[in-house]
Protein backbone atom coordinates (compact mmCIF):
# COMPACT_ATOMS: atom_id res chain seq x y z
CA MET A 1 -3.90 -13.55 18.10
CA GLY A 2 -7.67 -13.31 17.70
CA THR A 3 -7.64 -9.59 18.48
CA LEU A 4 -4.96 -8.92 15.87
CA MET A 5 -6.94 -10.89 13.30
CA THR A 6 -10.13 -8.98 14.18
CA SER A 7 -8.39 -5.61 14.02
CA ASN A 8 -6.84 -6.50 10.64
CA THR A 9 -10.26 -7.60 9.38
CA GLN A 10 -11.77 -4.32 10.54
CA LEU A 11 -8.91 -2.39 8.96
CA LEU A 12 -9.31 -4.15 5.63
CA THR A 13 -13.04 -3.48 5.72
CA GLU A 14 -12.25 0.23 6.04
CA PHE A 15 -10.18 0.09 2.85
CA THR A 16 -12.52 -2.14 0.82
CA LEU A 17 -13.99 -0.50 -2.26
CA GLN A 18 -17.38 -1.05 -3.83
CA GLY A 19 -17.39 -4.54 -5.26
CA GLY A 20 -15.58 -5.96 -2.25
CA ARG A 21 -12.03 -5.44 -3.54
CA LEU A 22 -9.12 -3.42 -2.24
CA ILE A 23 -7.99 -2.40 -5.72
CA ASP A 24 -9.71 -0.90 -8.73
CA LEU A 25 -7.88 -2.11 -11.79
CA GLU A 26 -9.87 0.27 -13.98
CA VAL A 27 -7.38 2.95 -12.92
CA LEU A 28 -4.40 0.80 -13.89
CA GLY A 29 -6.14 -0.24 -17.10
CA SER A 30 -6.80 3.33 -18.16
CA MET A 31 -3.20 4.30 -17.34
CA THR A 32 -1.83 1.50 -19.52
CA GLY A 33 -4.33 1.72 -22.36
CA TYR A 34 -5.60 -1.67 -21.19
CA ASP A 35 -2.37 -3.26 -22.39
CA ASP A 36 -2.16 -6.57 -20.51
CA ARG A 37 1.63 -6.80 -20.75
CA PHE A 38 2.14 -3.29 -19.47
CA MET A 39 -0.31 -3.97 -16.63
CA GLN A 40 1.63 -7.15 -15.79
CA GLN A 41 4.87 -5.16 -15.68
CA LEU A 42 3.45 -2.49 -13.39
CA ILE A 43 1.87 -5.07 -11.09
CA GLY A 44 5.14 -7.01 -11.01
CA MET A 45 7.11 -3.88 -10.17
CA PHE A 46 4.72 -3.06 -7.34
CA LEU A 47 4.86 -6.61 -5.97
CA SER A 48 8.64 -6.63 -5.99
CA SER A 49 9.18 -3.15 -4.55
CA ALA A 50 6.41 -2.75 -1.95
CA PRO A 51 7.85 -5.10 0.72
CA ASP A 52 11.28 -3.43 0.53
CA THR A 53 9.74 0.02 0.70
CA LEU A 54 7.66 -0.88 3.76
CA GLU A 55 10.69 -2.44 5.43
CA GLN A 56 12.75 0.66 4.69
CA ALA A 57 10.11 2.85 6.36
CA GLN A 58 9.96 0.52 9.39
CA GLU A 59 13.75 0.51 9.72
CA ALA A 60 13.88 4.31 9.45
CA LEU A 61 11.32 4.55 12.25
CA LYS A 62 13.35 2.15 14.43
CA GLU A 63 16.30 4.51 13.92
CA ASN A 64 13.99 7.44 14.77
CA ASP A 65 14.73 8.95 11.36
CA LYS A 66 11.34 10.51 10.76
CA GLU A 67 12.57 12.51 7.79
CA LEU A 68 13.50 9.26 6.05
CA VAL A 69 10.11 7.78 7.01
CA ARG A 70 8.47 10.82 5.42
CA SER A 71 10.58 10.57 2.29
CA VAL A 72 10.05 6.82 1.79
CA VAL A 73 6.30 7.06 2.35
CA HIS A 74 6.07 10.07 0.04
CA LYS A 75 7.66 8.10 -2.81
CA TYR A 76 5.53 5.05 -2.01
CA LYS A 77 2.36 7.14 -2.20
CA SER A 78 2.78 7.54 -5.98
CA SER A 79 2.99 3.76 -6.41
CA LEU A 80 -0.23 3.40 -4.47
CA ASN A 81 -2.11 5.70 -6.83
CA ILE A 82 -2.13 3.10 -9.63
CA LEU A 83 -4.18 0.75 -7.45
CA GLY A 84 -7.33 2.87 -7.67
CA ASN A 85 -7.89 2.91 -3.91
CA THR A 86 -7.75 6.54 -2.80
CA LYS A 87 -7.87 5.57 0.88
CA LEU A 88 -4.41 4.02 0.83
CA PRO A 89 -2.58 7.06 -0.61
CA ALA A 90 -4.52 9.15 1.94
CA LEU A 91 -3.15 6.95 4.75
CA ALA A 92 0.34 7.37 3.31
CA ALA A 93 -0.20 11.15 3.18
CA ASP A 94 -1.26 11.06 6.85
CA ILE A 95 1.93 9.18 7.76
CA GLU A 96 3.99 11.61 5.73
CA GLN A 97 2.42 14.59 7.50
CA MET A 98 2.78 12.97 10.92
CA ALA A 99 6.47 12.27 10.29
CA ARG A 100 6.96 15.86 9.11
CA ASN A 101 5.31 17.09 12.32
CA ASP A 102 7.47 14.79 14.48
CA ALA A 103 4.56 12.67 15.74
CA LYS A 104 5.16 10.15 18.50
CA THR A 105 7.00 7.05 17.32
CA ALA A 106 4.28 4.73 18.65
CA VAL A 107 1.61 6.54 16.63
CA LEU A 108 3.72 6.41 13.48
CA ALA A 109 4.46 2.72 14.09
CA GLU A 110 0.72 1.98 14.32
CA LYS A 111 0.01 3.85 11.07
CA LEU A 112 2.89 2.09 9.30
CA GLN A 113 1.51 -1.24 10.52
CA GLN A 114 -1.87 -0.34 9.03
CA LEU A 115 -0.22 0.62 5.74
CA SER A 116 1.67 -2.67 5.71
CA ALA A 117 -1.37 -4.79 6.54
CA VAL A 118 -3.46 -3.25 3.78
CA THR A 119 -0.56 -3.38 1.31
CA TYR A 120 -0.01 -7.11 1.90
CA ALA A 121 -3.73 -7.80 1.42
CA ILE A 122 -3.63 -5.76 -1.79
CA MET A 123 -0.60 -7.74 -2.93
CA ASP A 124 -2.68 -10.92 -2.64
CA GLU A 125 -5.30 -9.38 -4.94
CA LEU A 126 -2.59 -8.24 -7.35
CA ARG A 127 -1.05 -11.72 -7.49
CA ALA A 128 -4.45 -13.14 -8.41
CA GLU A 129 -4.87 -10.47 -11.08
CA LEU A 130 -1.39 -11.19 -12.42
CA LYS A 131 -2.28 -14.88 -12.80
CA ARG A 132 -5.46 -13.92 -14.63
CA LEU A 133 -3.54 -11.63 -16.99
CA GLU A 134 -0.87 -14.26 -17.64
CA ALA A 135 -3.57 -16.82 -18.50
CA ALA A 136 -5.30 -14.46 -20.94
């Protein structure tokens, strides 16, 4: 348990941006014209769709359907771009390429686990931001 926690902490450190956050809402703000309601909608859509998307990729990998893994992660990559963290879409692109090149299932599983761990940490930040926006 301690090792998993340490490895997740190290992983999150890798994806942390300047300012100590995993997301840069300046990107989302500029995309929405700094419209709080539109930002709330986009954050809400991400929060509701990300877990299902990650589960779909995991299930596809369990079925050894690497083409579906590639396709799901490819679509997910565009959702990640609004978060302003270029490292996460790069990880998704790596997974996409690995699935295309028929990488070993264990390697893909590890990368998907990393994507999931960082995504869930980002979702915590997004929930906090959503509360802030709703209070404004």
